[in-house]
């Protein structure tokens, strides 16, 4: 079975999730934006072995720690979609602009595209390309536990910002309706910030996409 633990990291309280396969104890970090020592302490506490880093997108609070962590552990960085190349290229500027420690530069070992899958141990998650917040944003869907790790596409009661370079409000709405809702109302999603919710709850009550 797939398990996960979510830890808020960085001054932005970004939700970094550690997902792992209980059969193999292999784990992946989703969006390790920073606070590397905290993340390493948690995998030691859980008794799991990190083998990959998965990125939903390349904003500094989600990707700022990826290069350092990959280098330290000798593990690959998977994702996001190539549409976020310019955000990766600009990590140094993002660090300065938002008061983060300088990010270690990286090139993803593997880019992700809509319909791809990622695997940790014996567990497979489906990848959907969900542009709008950033051009290369992706989400990770684990239907076997009815969970989706959605980065900054959707939040409990809100949606991602679209005022950064490459953002597009209509694209974001389309991504939510066309890519997230088909995962099912019962699916619990883990957003990039704040508490979990379900797609059904957001379809009913979210002021931006309720009733869609």
N, C-alpha and C. Protein backbone atom coordinates (compact mmCIF):
# COMPACT_ATOMS: atom_id res chain seq x y z
N UNK A 1 0.84 -1.21 0.00
CA UNK A 1 0.00 0.00 0.00
C UNK A 1 0.87 1.26 0.00
N UNK A 2 0.30 2.32 -0.55
CA UNK A 2 0.99 3.61 -0.58
C UNK A 2 0.61 4.41 0.67
N UNK A 3 1.60 4.99 1.31
CA UNK A 3 1.38 5.85 2.47
C UNK A 3 2.00 7.22 2.19
N UNK A 4 1.58 8.22 2.95
CA UNK A 4 2.20 9.54 2.79
C UNK A 4 2.17 10.31 4.10
N UNK A 5 3.10 11.23 4.19
CA UNK A 5 3.17 12.14 5.34
C UNK A 5 3.49 13.51 4.77
N UNK A 6 2.75 14.51 5.19
CA UNK A 6 2.93 15.87 4.66
C UNK A 6 3.50 16.78 5.73
N UNK A 7 4.56 17.52 5.36
CA UNK A 7 5.20 18.46 6.29
C UNK A 7 5.25 19.84 5.65
N UNK A 8 4.74 20.87 6.32
CA UNK A 8 4.90 22.24 5.82
C UNK A 8 6.36 22.67 5.97
N UNK A 9 6.93 23.20 4.89
CA UNK A 9 8.33 23.65 4.91
C UNK A 9 8.42 25.07 4.35
N UNK A 10 9.53 25.71 4.61
CA UNK A 10 9.86 27.08 4.15
C UNK A 10 8.96 28.10 4.83
N UNK A 11 9.33 29.38 4.78
CA UNK A 11 8.47 30.42 5.35
C UNK A 11 7.09 30.48 4.69
N UNK A 12 6.97 29.87 3.50
CA UNK A 12 5.67 29.88 2.80
C UNK A 12 4.78 28.73 3.27
N UNK A 13 5.25 27.91 4.23
CA UNK A 13 4.48 26.76 4.72
C UNK A 13 3.95 25.91 3.56
N UNK A 14 4.89 25.53 2.72
CA UNK A 14 4.56 24.72 1.54
C UNK A 14 4.50 23.25 1.94
N UNK A 15 3.48 22.56 1.49
CA UNK A 15 3.28 21.16 1.87
C UNK A 15 4.19 20.24 1.05
N UNK A 16 5.26 19.77 1.67
CA UNK A 16 6.10 18.74 1.06
C UNK A 16 5.58 17.39 1.54
N UNK A 17 5.28 16.49 0.62
CA UNK A 17 4.80 15.16 1.00
C UNK A 17 5.89 14.12 0.78
N UNK A 18 6.00 13.22 1.74
CA UNK A 18 6.84 12.04 1.58
C UNK A 18 5.88 10.88 1.32
N UNK A 19 6.01 10.23 0.18
CA UNK A 19 5.15 9.08 -0.15
C UNK A 19 6.02 7.83 -0.18
N UNK A 20 5.46 6.72 0.32
CA UNK A 20 6.28 5.51 0.31
C UNK A 20 5.42 4.25 0.15
N UNK A 21 6.09 3.23 -0.34
CA UNK A 21 5.52 1.91 -0.55
C UNK A 21 5.81 1.07 0.69
N UNK A 22 4.78 0.54 1.33
CA UNK A 22 5.05 -0.19 2.58
C UNK A 22 5.68 -1.56 2.33
N UNK A 23 5.59 -2.07 1.09
CA UNK A 23 6.20 -3.36 0.79
C UNK A 23 7.72 -3.26 0.66
N UNK A 24 8.20 -2.13 0.13
CA UNK A 24 9.64 -1.99 -0.13
C UNK A 24 10.31 -0.93 0.74
N UNK A 25 9.50 -0.07 1.35
CA UNK A 25 9.98 1.07 2.15
C UNK A 25 10.73 2.10 1.29
N UNK A 26 10.56 2.02 -0.03
CA UNK A 26 11.11 3.07 -0.90
C UNK A 26 10.18 4.27 -0.86
N UNK A 27 10.78 5.47 -0.92
CA UNK A 27 10.00 6.70 -0.76
C UNK A 27 10.38 7.73 -1.81
N UNK A 28 9.47 8.69 -2.01
CA UNK A 28 9.74 9.84 -2.88
C UNK A 28 9.31 11.10 -2.14
N UNK A 29 10.07 12.17 -2.35
CA UNK A 29 9.68 13.49 -1.86
C UNK A 29 8.88 14.19 -2.96
N UNK A 30 7.74 14.75 -2.62
CA UNK A 30 7.00 15.59 -3.56
C UNK A 30 7.17 17.04 -3.12
N UNK A 31 7.82 17.84 -3.96
CA UNK A 31 8.00 19.27 -3.73
C UNK A 31 8.78 19.62 -2.46
N UNK A 32 10.05 19.20 -2.38
CA UNK A 32 10.88 19.58 -1.24
C UNK A 32 11.41 21.00 -1.40
N UNK A 33 10.61 21.97 -0.98
CA UNK A 33 10.96 23.37 -1.19
C UNK A 33 12.11 23.87 -0.35
N UNK A 34 12.36 23.22 0.79
CA UNK A 34 13.42 23.67 1.69
C UNK A 34 13.36 22.90 2.98
N UNK A 35 14.06 23.41 4.00
CA UNK A 35 14.11 22.75 5.32
C UNK A 35 14.55 21.30 5.17
N UNK A 36 15.65 21.12 4.47
CA UNK A 36 16.15 19.78 4.13
C UNK A 36 16.40 18.93 5.37
N UNK A 37 16.97 19.51 6.41
CA UNK A 37 17.27 18.73 7.62
C UNK A 37 15.99 18.17 8.23
N UNK A 38 14.93 18.95 8.21
CA UNK A 38 13.65 18.48 8.74
C UNK A 38 13.13 17.29 7.92
N UNK A 39 13.28 17.38 6.61
CA UNK A 39 12.80 16.30 5.74
C UNK A 39 13.62 15.02 5.94
N UNK A 40 14.93 15.18 6.06
CA UNK A 40 15.79 14.02 6.27
C UNK A 40 15.51 13.37 7.62
N UNK A 41 15.26 14.20 8.64
CA UNK A 41 14.93 13.66 9.96
C UNK A 41 13.62 12.86 9.90
N UNK A 42 12.69 13.34 9.10
CA UNK A 42 11.39 12.66 9.02
C UNK A 42 11.51 11.30 8.32
N UNK A 43 12.30 11.21 7.24
CA UNK A 43 12.43 9.90 6.59
C UNK A 43 13.16 8.92 7.50
N UNK A 44 14.09 9.42 8.30
CA UNK A 44 14.74 8.54 9.28
C UNK A 44 13.73 8.06 10.31
N UNK A 45 12.88 8.96 10.75
CA UNK A 45 11.86 8.60 11.75
C UNK A 45 10.89 7.56 11.18
N UNK A 46 10.53 7.74 9.92
CA UNK A 46 9.59 6.83 9.27
C UNK A 46 10.23 5.49 8.91
N UNK A 47 11.56 5.47 8.83
CA UNK A 47 12.25 4.24 8.45
C UNK A 47 12.12 3.90 6.98
N UNK A 48 12.07 4.94 6.14
CA UNK A 48 11.94 4.71 4.69
C UNK A 48 13.19 5.22 3.98
N UNK A 49 13.36 4.74 2.74
CA UNK A 49 14.55 5.10 1.96
C UNK A 49 14.14 5.95 0.75
N UNK A 50 14.49 7.24 0.75
CA UNK A 50 14.15 8.09 -0.40
C UNK A 50 14.94 7.67 -1.64
N UNK A 51 14.22 7.48 -2.74
CA UNK A 51 14.85 7.10 -4.00
C UNK A 51 14.61 8.09 -5.12
N UNK A 52 13.69 9.07 -4.92
CA UNK A 52 13.34 10.02 -5.98
C UNK A 52 12.82 11.32 -5.37
N UNK A 53 12.86 12.36 -6.20
CA UNK A 53 12.18 13.62 -5.91
C UNK A 53 11.22 13.88 -7.06
N UNK A 54 9.97 14.17 -6.75
CA UNK A 54 8.97 14.50 -7.77
C UNK A 54 8.55 15.96 -7.58
N UNK A 55 8.50 16.70 -8.67
CA UNK A 55 8.12 18.12 -8.61
C UNK A 55 6.81 18.37 -9.36
N UNK A 56 5.88 19.07 -8.70
CA UNK A 56 4.66 19.49 -9.40
C UNK A 56 4.94 20.70 -10.29
N UNK A 57 5.80 21.61 -9.80
CA UNK A 57 6.18 22.78 -10.59
C UNK A 57 7.44 23.38 -9.97
N UNK A 58 7.95 24.42 -10.58
CA UNK A 58 9.29 24.89 -10.21
C UNK A 58 9.32 26.26 -9.54
N UNK A 59 8.26 26.64 -8.86
CA UNK A 59 8.34 27.83 -8.02
C UNK A 59 9.25 27.52 -6.83
N UNK A 60 9.91 28.54 -6.31
CA UNK A 60 10.98 28.36 -5.32
C UNK A 60 10.52 27.62 -4.08
N UNK A 61 9.28 27.86 -3.61
CA UNK A 61 8.83 27.22 -2.38
C UNK A 61 8.55 25.73 -2.56
N UNK A 62 8.46 25.28 -3.82
CA UNK A 62 8.24 23.87 -4.13
C UNK A 62 9.52 23.17 -4.58
N UNK A 63 10.37 23.90 -5.27
CA UNK A 63 11.56 23.27 -5.88
C UNK A 63 12.88 23.75 -5.30
N UNK A 64 12.84 24.69 -4.36
CA UNK A 64 14.07 25.32 -3.88
C UNK A 64 15.06 24.38 -3.22
N UNK A 65 14.56 23.29 -2.62
CA UNK A 65 15.46 22.35 -1.96
C UNK A 65 15.79 21.13 -2.79
N UNK A 66 15.21 21.04 -3.98
CA UNK A 66 15.33 19.81 -4.78
C UNK A 66 16.78 19.53 -5.19
N UNK A 67 17.49 20.55 -5.66
CA UNK A 67 18.86 20.35 -6.12
C UNK A 67 19.78 19.90 -5.00
N UNK A 68 19.65 20.54 -3.84
CA UNK A 68 20.49 20.19 -2.69
C UNK A 68 20.18 18.77 -2.22
N UNK A 69 18.90 18.43 -2.13
CA UNK A 69 18.49 17.11 -1.65
C UNK A 69 18.93 16.02 -2.62
N UNK A 70 18.76 16.28 -3.92
CA UNK A 70 19.17 15.29 -4.94
C UNK A 70 20.67 15.05 -4.88
N UNK A 71 21.41 16.13 -4.71
CA UNK A 71 22.87 16.04 -4.65
C UNK A 71 23.31 15.26 -3.39
N UNK A 72 22.71 15.59 -2.27
CA UNK A 72 23.08 14.96 -1.00
C UNK A 72 22.77 13.46 -0.99
N UNK A 73 21.60 13.09 -1.52
CA UNK A 73 21.18 11.69 -1.47
C UNK A 73 21.56 10.90 -2.72
N UNK A 74 21.97 11.62 -3.79
CA UNK A 74 22.29 10.94 -5.04
C UNK A 74 21.08 10.31 -5.70
N UNK A 75 19.96 11.05 -5.71
CA UNK A 75 18.72 10.53 -6.28
C UNK A 75 18.23 11.44 -7.41
N UNK A 76 17.41 10.91 -8.32
CA UNK A 76 16.94 11.70 -9.46
C UNK A 76 15.82 12.66 -9.11
N UNK A 77 15.72 13.72 -9.92
CA UNK A 77 14.59 14.66 -9.85
C UNK A 77 13.69 14.37 -11.04
N UNK A 78 12.44 14.09 -10.76
CA UNK A 78 11.47 13.72 -11.79
C UNK A 78 10.40 14.81 -11.87
N UNK A 79 10.22 15.40 -13.07
CA UNK A 79 9.26 16.46 -13.24
C UNK A 79 9.89 17.83 -12.97
N UNK A 80 9.14 18.87 -13.22
CA UNK A 80 7.76 18.84 -13.72
C UNK A 80 7.72 18.64 -15.24
N UNK A 81 6.78 19.26 -15.91
CA UNK A 81 6.65 19.26 -17.37
C UNK A 81 7.64 20.30 -17.93
N UNK A 82 8.13 20.09 -19.16
CA UNK A 82 9.12 21.03 -19.73
C UNK A 82 8.66 22.48 -19.80
N UNK A 83 7.37 22.73 -19.68
CA UNK A 83 6.87 24.10 -19.69
C UNK A 83 7.42 24.95 -18.56
N UNK A 84 7.97 24.31 -17.52
CA UNK A 84 8.53 25.05 -16.39
C UNK A 84 10.04 25.25 -16.47
N UNK A 85 10.63 24.99 -17.63
CA UNK A 85 12.08 25.14 -17.77
C UNK A 85 12.52 26.55 -17.37
N UNK A 86 11.77 27.57 -17.77
CA UNK A 86 12.22 28.94 -17.46
C UNK A 86 12.16 29.23 -15.97
N UNK A 87 11.26 28.57 -15.23
CA UNK A 87 11.23 28.74 -13.78
C UNK A 87 12.44 28.06 -13.14
N UNK A 88 12.85 26.92 -13.69
CA UNK A 88 14.06 26.24 -13.18
C UNK A 88 15.29 27.10 -13.48
N UNK A 89 15.33 27.63 -14.70
CA UNK A 89 16.46 28.50 -15.07
C UNK A 89 16.55 29.72 -14.16
N UNK A 90 15.41 30.15 -13.63
CA UNK A 90 15.38 31.37 -12.81
C UNK A 90 15.37 31.13 -11.31
N UNK A 91 15.75 29.93 -10.87
CA UNK A 91 15.70 29.63 -9.44
C UNK A 91 16.57 30.59 -8.61
N UNK A 92 17.73 30.97 -9.13
CA UNK A 92 18.61 31.89 -8.39
C UNK A 92 17.91 33.23 -8.17
N UNK A 93 17.27 33.74 -9.23
CA UNK A 93 16.54 35.01 -9.11
C UNK A 93 15.35 34.87 -8.16
N UNK A 94 14.66 33.71 -8.23
CA UNK A 94 13.54 33.47 -7.33
C UNK A 94 14.01 33.47 -5.87
N UNK A 95 15.16 32.83 -5.62
CA UNK A 95 15.71 32.78 -4.26
C UNK A 95 15.90 34.18 -3.71
N UNK A 96 16.50 35.04 -4.53
CA UNK A 96 16.77 36.42 -4.11
C UNK A 96 15.47 37.20 -3.91
N UNK A 97 14.55 37.06 -4.85
CA UNK A 97 13.31 37.83 -4.81
C UNK A 97 12.46 37.50 -3.60
N UNK A 98 12.47 36.24 -3.18
CA UNK A 98 11.58 35.82 -2.09
C UNK A 98 12.31 35.54 -0.78
N UNK A 99 13.60 35.89 -0.72
CA UNK A 99 14.35 35.78 0.53
C UNK A 99 14.69 34.36 0.94
N UNK A 100 14.84 33.47 -0.05
CA UNK A 100 15.22 32.10 0.23
C UNK A 100 16.73 31.95 0.16
N UNK A 101 17.26 30.91 0.80
CA UNK A 101 18.67 30.58 0.63
C UNK A 101 18.92 30.25 -0.84
N UNK A 102 20.12 30.52 -1.37
CA UNK A 102 20.39 30.23 -2.79
C UNK A 102 20.08 28.77 -3.13
N UNK A 103 19.31 28.57 -4.17
CA UNK A 103 18.94 27.21 -4.59
C UNK A 103 20.07 26.58 -5.39
N UNK A 104 20.33 25.31 -5.11
CA UNK A 104 21.32 24.56 -5.90
C UNK A 104 20.71 24.28 -7.28
N UNK A 105 21.38 24.69 -8.37
CA UNK A 105 20.81 24.49 -9.71
C UNK A 105 20.65 22.99 -10.02
N UNK A 106 19.68 22.67 -10.84
CA UNK A 106 19.50 21.28 -11.24
C UNK A 106 18.82 21.22 -12.61
N UNK A 107 18.99 20.08 -13.25
CA UNK A 107 18.24 19.74 -14.45
C UNK A 107 17.47 18.47 -14.14
N UNK A 108 16.16 18.43 -14.34
CA UNK A 108 15.43 17.21 -14.03
C UNK A 108 16.02 16.00 -14.78
N UNK A 109 16.09 14.89 -14.08
CA UNK A 109 16.54 13.64 -14.70
C UNK A 109 15.52 13.20 -15.75
N UNK A 110 14.26 13.49 -15.47
CA UNK A 110 13.17 13.10 -16.38
C UNK A 110 12.08 14.15 -16.32
N UNK A 111 11.69 14.64 -17.49
CA UNK A 111 10.54 15.52 -17.59
C UNK A 111 9.27 14.67 -17.62
N UNK A 112 8.15 15.26 -17.20
CA UNK A 112 6.88 14.54 -17.20
C UNK A 112 5.89 15.16 -18.18
N UNK A 113 5.03 14.33 -18.72
CA UNK A 113 4.00 14.76 -19.66
C UNK A 113 2.66 14.15 -19.26
N UNK A 114 1.59 14.72 -19.77
CA UNK A 114 0.25 14.22 -19.45
C UNK A 114 0.13 12.75 -19.84
N UNK A 115 -0.38 11.94 -18.91
CA UNK A 115 -0.55 10.52 -19.19
C UNK A 115 0.63 9.66 -18.76
N UNK A 116 1.72 10.28 -18.34
CA UNK A 116 2.86 9.51 -17.82
C UNK A 116 2.48 8.90 -16.47
N UNK A 117 3.38 8.07 -15.96
CA UNK A 117 3.22 7.56 -14.60
C UNK A 117 4.58 7.60 -13.90
N UNK A 118 4.54 7.59 -12.59
CA UNK A 118 5.75 7.51 -11.78
C UNK A 118 5.56 6.34 -10.83
N UNK A 119 6.66 5.75 -10.40
CA UNK A 119 6.56 4.58 -9.54
C UNK A 119 7.51 4.70 -8.37
N UNK A 120 7.03 4.33 -7.19
CA UNK A 120 7.89 4.25 -6.00
C UNK A 120 7.65 2.86 -5.42
N UNK A 121 8.70 2.07 -5.33
CA UNK A 121 8.54 0.69 -4.90
C UNK A 121 7.59 -0.02 -5.84
N UNK A 122 6.54 -0.61 -5.29
CA UNK A 122 5.55 -1.33 -6.10
C UNK A 122 4.32 -0.49 -6.40
N UNK A 123 4.36 0.79 -6.07
CA UNK A 123 3.19 1.66 -6.22
C UNK A 123 3.36 2.63 -7.39
N UNK A 124 2.30 2.75 -8.19
CA UNK A 124 2.30 3.62 -9.37
C UNK A 124 1.31 4.75 -9.19
N UNK A 125 1.74 5.97 -9.56
CA UNK A 125 0.85 7.13 -9.56
C UNK A 125 0.76 7.67 -10.98
N UNK A 126 -0.41 8.19 -11.33
CA UNK A 126 -0.64 8.74 -12.67
C UNK A 126 -0.32 10.23 -12.69
N UNK A 127 0.21 10.68 -13.81
CA UNK A 127 0.61 12.08 -13.97
C UNK A 127 -0.36 12.78 -14.91
N UNK A 128 -0.83 13.94 -14.49
CA UNK A 128 -1.64 14.79 -15.38
C UNK A 128 -0.97 16.16 -15.48
N UNK A 129 -0.90 16.68 -16.69
CA UNK A 129 -0.37 18.02 -16.93
C UNK A 129 -1.50 19.01 -16.67
N UNK A 130 -1.26 19.96 -15.75
CA UNK A 130 -2.31 20.88 -15.32
C UNK A 130 -1.82 22.32 -15.37
N UNK A 131 -1.63 22.87 -16.57
CA UNK A 131 -1.12 24.25 -16.67
C UNK A 131 -2.13 25.27 -16.17
N UNK A 132 -1.61 26.46 -15.89
CA UNK A 132 -2.46 27.57 -15.44
C UNK A 132 -1.77 28.36 -14.35
N UNK A 133 -1.37 27.67 -13.28
CA UNK A 133 -0.56 28.32 -12.24
C UNK A 133 0.84 28.55 -12.79
N UNK A 134 1.41 27.51 -13.38
CA UNK A 134 2.61 27.62 -14.21
C UNK A 134 2.37 26.78 -15.46
N UNK A 135 3.12 27.05 -16.54
CA UNK A 135 2.89 26.31 -17.78
C UNK A 135 3.21 24.82 -17.68
N UNK A 136 4.14 24.47 -16.78
CA UNK A 136 4.58 23.07 -16.71
C UNK A 136 4.09 22.33 -15.48
N UNK A 137 3.05 22.80 -14.85
CA UNK A 137 2.55 22.18 -13.62
C UNK A 137 2.00 20.78 -13.92
N UNK A 138 2.30 19.84 -13.02
CA UNK A 138 1.71 18.50 -13.09
C UNK A 138 1.15 18.13 -11.73
N UNK A 139 0.26 17.13 -11.72
CA UNK A 139 -0.24 16.58 -10.46
C UNK A 139 -0.04 15.08 -10.48
N UNK A 140 -0.01 14.49 -9.28
CA UNK A 140 0.22 13.06 -9.12
C UNK A 140 -1.03 12.43 -8.49
N UNK A 141 -1.62 11.47 -9.20
CA UNK A 141 -2.88 10.85 -8.76
C UNK A 141 -2.60 9.41 -8.32
N UNK A 142 -3.01 9.09 -7.10
CA UNK A 142 -2.87 7.73 -6.57
C UNK A 142 -4.28 7.14 -6.36
N UNK A 143 -4.88 6.59 -7.42
CA UNK A 143 -6.26 6.10 -7.29
C UNK A 143 -6.40 4.96 -6.29
N UNK A 144 -5.30 4.22 -6.06
CA UNK A 144 -5.37 3.08 -5.13
C UNK A 144 -5.66 3.50 -3.70
N UNK A 145 -5.38 4.76 -3.36
CA UNK A 145 -5.72 5.27 -2.02
C UNK A 145 -6.62 6.51 -2.12
N UNK A 146 -7.12 6.78 -3.32
CA UNK A 146 -8.01 7.92 -3.56
C UNK A 146 -7.42 9.22 -3.05
N UNK A 147 -6.17 9.48 -3.51
CA UNK A 147 -5.47 10.70 -3.16
C UNK A 147 -4.88 11.34 -4.41
N UNK A 148 -4.74 12.65 -4.38
CA UNK A 148 -4.08 13.37 -5.47
C UNK A 148 -3.22 14.48 -4.85
N UNK A 149 -1.99 14.57 -5.32
CA UNK A 149 -1.05 15.61 -4.87
C UNK A 149 -1.04 16.68 -5.95
N UNK A 150 -1.67 17.84 -5.65
CA UNK A 150 -2.03 18.77 -6.72
C UNK A 150 -1.23 20.07 -6.73
N UNK A 151 -0.18 20.17 -5.89
CA UNK A 151 0.61 21.40 -5.93
C UNK A 151 -0.27 22.62 -5.73
N UNK A 152 -0.06 23.64 -6.56
CA UNK A 152 -0.79 24.90 -6.40
C UNK A 152 -1.91 25.08 -7.42
N UNK A 153 -2.50 23.99 -7.90
CA UNK A 153 -3.64 24.10 -8.82
C UNK A 153 -4.90 24.46 -8.05
N UNK A 154 -5.14 23.73 -6.97
CA UNK A 154 -6.39 23.85 -6.22
C UNK A 154 -6.10 23.82 -4.73
N UNK A 155 -6.85 24.62 -3.97
CA UNK A 155 -6.73 24.64 -2.52
C UNK A 155 -8.11 24.44 -1.90
N UNK A 156 -8.15 24.18 -0.61
CA UNK A 156 -9.42 24.15 0.11
C UNK A 156 -9.98 25.58 0.09
N UNK A 157 -11.02 25.78 -0.70
CA UNK A 157 -11.67 27.08 -0.76
C UNK A 157 -11.05 28.09 -1.70
N UNK A 158 -10.05 27.68 -2.49
CA UNK A 158 -9.40 28.63 -3.39
C UNK A 158 -8.75 27.88 -4.55
N UNK A 159 -8.07 28.64 -5.40
CA UNK A 159 -7.34 28.07 -6.53
C UNK A 159 -5.97 28.76 -6.61
N UNK A 160 -5.10 28.25 -7.45
CA UNK A 160 -3.76 28.81 -7.57
C UNK A 160 -3.75 30.20 -8.18
N UNK A 161 -2.71 30.94 -7.86
CA UNK A 161 -2.53 32.27 -8.46
C UNK A 161 -2.18 32.12 -9.93
N UNK A 162 -2.57 33.10 -10.70
CA UNK A 162 -2.23 33.09 -12.13
C UNK A 162 -1.58 34.40 -12.57
N UNK A 163 -1.10 35.20 -11.59
CA UNK A 163 -0.52 36.50 -11.93
C UNK A 163 1.00 36.46 -12.06
N UNK A 164 1.61 35.28 -11.90
CA UNK A 164 3.04 35.15 -12.15
C UNK A 164 3.28 34.93 -13.65
N UNK A 165 4.51 35.16 -14.15
CA UNK A 165 4.79 34.92 -15.56
C UNK A 165 4.40 33.50 -15.97
N UNK A 166 3.70 33.41 -17.08
CA UNK A 166 3.28 32.11 -17.60
C UNK A 166 1.96 31.63 -17.03
N UNK A 167 1.39 32.38 -16.06
CA UNK A 167 0.10 32.00 -15.49
C UNK A 167 -1.03 32.31 -16.45
N UNK A 168 -2.11 31.54 -16.36
CA UNK A 168 -3.26 31.76 -17.23
C UNK A 168 -4.51 31.28 -16.51
N UNK A 169 -5.39 32.21 -16.18
CA UNK A 169 -6.55 31.88 -15.35
C UNK A 169 -7.46 30.86 -16.02
N UNK A 170 -7.78 31.07 -17.29
CA UNK A 170 -8.69 30.14 -17.96
C UNK A 170 -8.08 28.74 -18.08
N UNK A 171 -6.78 28.70 -18.35
CA UNK A 171 -6.08 27.40 -18.39
C UNK A 171 -6.20 26.68 -17.06
N UNK A 172 -6.05 27.43 -15.97
CA UNK A 172 -6.13 26.83 -14.64
C UNK A 172 -7.52 26.25 -14.39
N UNK A 173 -8.56 27.01 -14.71
CA UNK A 173 -9.93 26.53 -14.54
C UNK A 173 -10.15 25.28 -15.38
N UNK A 174 -9.67 25.29 -16.62
CA UNK A 174 -9.81 24.13 -17.50
C UNK A 174 -9.08 22.92 -16.93
N UNK A 175 -7.89 23.15 -16.38
CA UNK A 175 -7.13 22.05 -15.79
C UNK A 175 -7.89 21.40 -14.64
N UNK A 176 -8.52 22.24 -13.80
CA UNK A 176 -9.27 21.72 -12.66
C UNK A 176 -10.46 20.90 -13.14
N UNK A 177 -11.21 21.46 -14.07
CA UNK A 177 -12.44 20.80 -14.53
C UNK A 177 -12.13 19.55 -15.36
N UNK A 178 -11.17 19.66 -16.25
CA UNK A 178 -10.91 18.57 -17.20
C UNK A 178 -9.97 17.49 -16.65
N UNK A 179 -9.07 17.87 -15.73
CA UNK A 179 -8.05 16.91 -15.28
C UNK A 179 -8.28 16.45 -13.84
N UNK A 180 -8.80 17.32 -12.98
CA UNK A 180 -8.98 16.92 -11.58
C UNK A 180 -10.35 16.31 -11.30
N UNK A 181 -11.41 16.96 -11.75
CA UNK A 181 -12.74 16.46 -11.42
C UNK A 181 -12.96 15.01 -11.85
N UNK A 182 -12.45 14.56 -13.01
CA UNK A 182 -12.66 13.16 -13.39
C UNK A 182 -12.03 12.15 -12.43
N UNK A 183 -11.16 12.59 -11.54
CA UNK A 183 -10.57 11.67 -10.56
C UNK A 183 -11.59 11.25 -9.50
N UNK A 184 -12.73 11.94 -9.45
CA UNK A 184 -13.81 11.53 -8.56
C UNK A 184 -14.01 12.42 -7.36
N UNK A 185 -15.28 12.66 -7.02
CA UNK A 185 -15.62 13.54 -5.89
C UNK A 185 -15.03 13.05 -4.58
N UNK A 186 -14.87 11.74 -4.44
CA UNK A 186 -14.40 11.17 -3.18
C UNK A 186 -12.90 11.34 -2.98
N UNK A 187 -12.19 11.72 -4.03
CA UNK A 187 -10.73 11.82 -3.94
C UNK A 187 -10.31 12.97 -3.03
N UNK A 188 -9.45 12.65 -2.09
CA UNK A 188 -8.86 13.64 -1.19
C UNK A 188 -7.63 14.21 -1.88
N UNK A 189 -7.50 15.54 -1.89
CA UNK A 189 -6.31 16.12 -2.51
C UNK A 189 -5.45 16.82 -1.47
N UNK A 190 -4.13 16.72 -1.71
CA UNK A 190 -3.14 17.35 -0.86
C UNK A 190 -2.63 18.57 -1.63
N UNK A 191 -3.00 19.77 -1.21
CA UNK A 191 -2.59 20.97 -1.94
C UNK A 191 -1.18 21.41 -1.55
N UNK A 192 -0.67 22.38 -2.27
CA UNK A 192 0.66 22.91 -1.98
C UNK A 192 0.73 23.74 -0.72
N UNK A 193 -0.41 24.19 -0.24
CA UNK A 193 -0.48 25.00 0.99
C UNK A 193 -1.83 24.73 1.64
N UNK A 194 -1.84 24.70 2.96
CA UNK A 194 -3.11 24.59 3.67
C UNK A 194 -3.61 23.16 3.80
N UNK A 195 -4.86 23.03 4.31
CA UNK A 195 -5.40 21.71 4.63
C UNK A 195 -5.86 20.93 3.40
N UNK A 196 -6.00 19.63 3.61
CA UNK A 196 -6.56 18.76 2.58
C UNK A 196 -8.06 19.04 2.43
N UNK A 197 -8.59 18.63 1.29
CA UNK A 197 -10.03 18.69 1.05
C UNK A 197 -10.35 17.57 0.06
N UNK A 198 -11.59 17.52 -0.41
CA UNK A 198 -11.96 16.56 -1.45
C UNK A 198 -12.42 17.31 -2.69
N UNK A 199 -12.30 16.66 -3.83
CA UNK A 199 -12.77 17.30 -5.06
C UNK A 199 -14.28 17.55 -4.98
N UNK A 200 -15.02 16.64 -4.36
CA UNK A 200 -16.47 16.83 -4.23
C UNK A 200 -16.82 18.07 -3.44
N UNK A 201 -16.12 18.29 -2.36
CA UNK A 201 -16.38 19.47 -1.52
C UNK A 201 -16.09 20.75 -2.31
N UNK A 202 -14.98 20.75 -3.04
CA UNK A 202 -14.63 21.95 -3.80
C UNK A 202 -15.59 22.18 -4.96
N UNK A 203 -16.06 21.11 -5.57
CA UNK A 203 -17.05 21.26 -6.66
C UNK A 203 -18.33 21.89 -6.15
N UNK A 204 -18.64 21.63 -4.89
CA UNK A 204 -19.87 22.19 -4.31
C UNK A 204 -19.68 23.61 -3.80
N UNK A 205 -18.54 23.88 -3.16
CA UNK A 205 -18.45 25.11 -2.38
C UNK A 205 -17.32 26.07 -2.71
N UNK A 206 -16.37 25.65 -3.54
CA UNK A 206 -15.23 26.53 -3.84
C UNK A 206 -15.74 27.75 -4.62
N UNK A 207 -15.44 28.98 -4.14
CA UNK A 207 -15.98 30.17 -4.80
C UNK A 207 -15.49 30.37 -6.23
N UNK A 208 -14.42 29.71 -6.64
CA UNK A 208 -13.87 29.89 -7.98
C UNK A 208 -14.33 28.81 -8.95
N UNK A 209 -14.56 27.60 -8.45
CA UNK A 209 -14.93 26.49 -9.36
C UNK A 209 -16.13 25.71 -8.87
N UNK A 210 -16.82 26.23 -7.85
CA UNK A 210 -18.03 25.55 -7.36
C UNK A 210 -19.08 25.49 -8.44
N UNK A 211 -19.75 24.35 -8.55
CA UNK A 211 -20.81 24.18 -9.54
C UNK A 211 -20.34 23.84 -10.93
N UNK A 212 -19.03 23.58 -11.07
CA UNK A 212 -18.52 23.22 -12.42
C UNK A 212 -18.55 21.72 -12.63
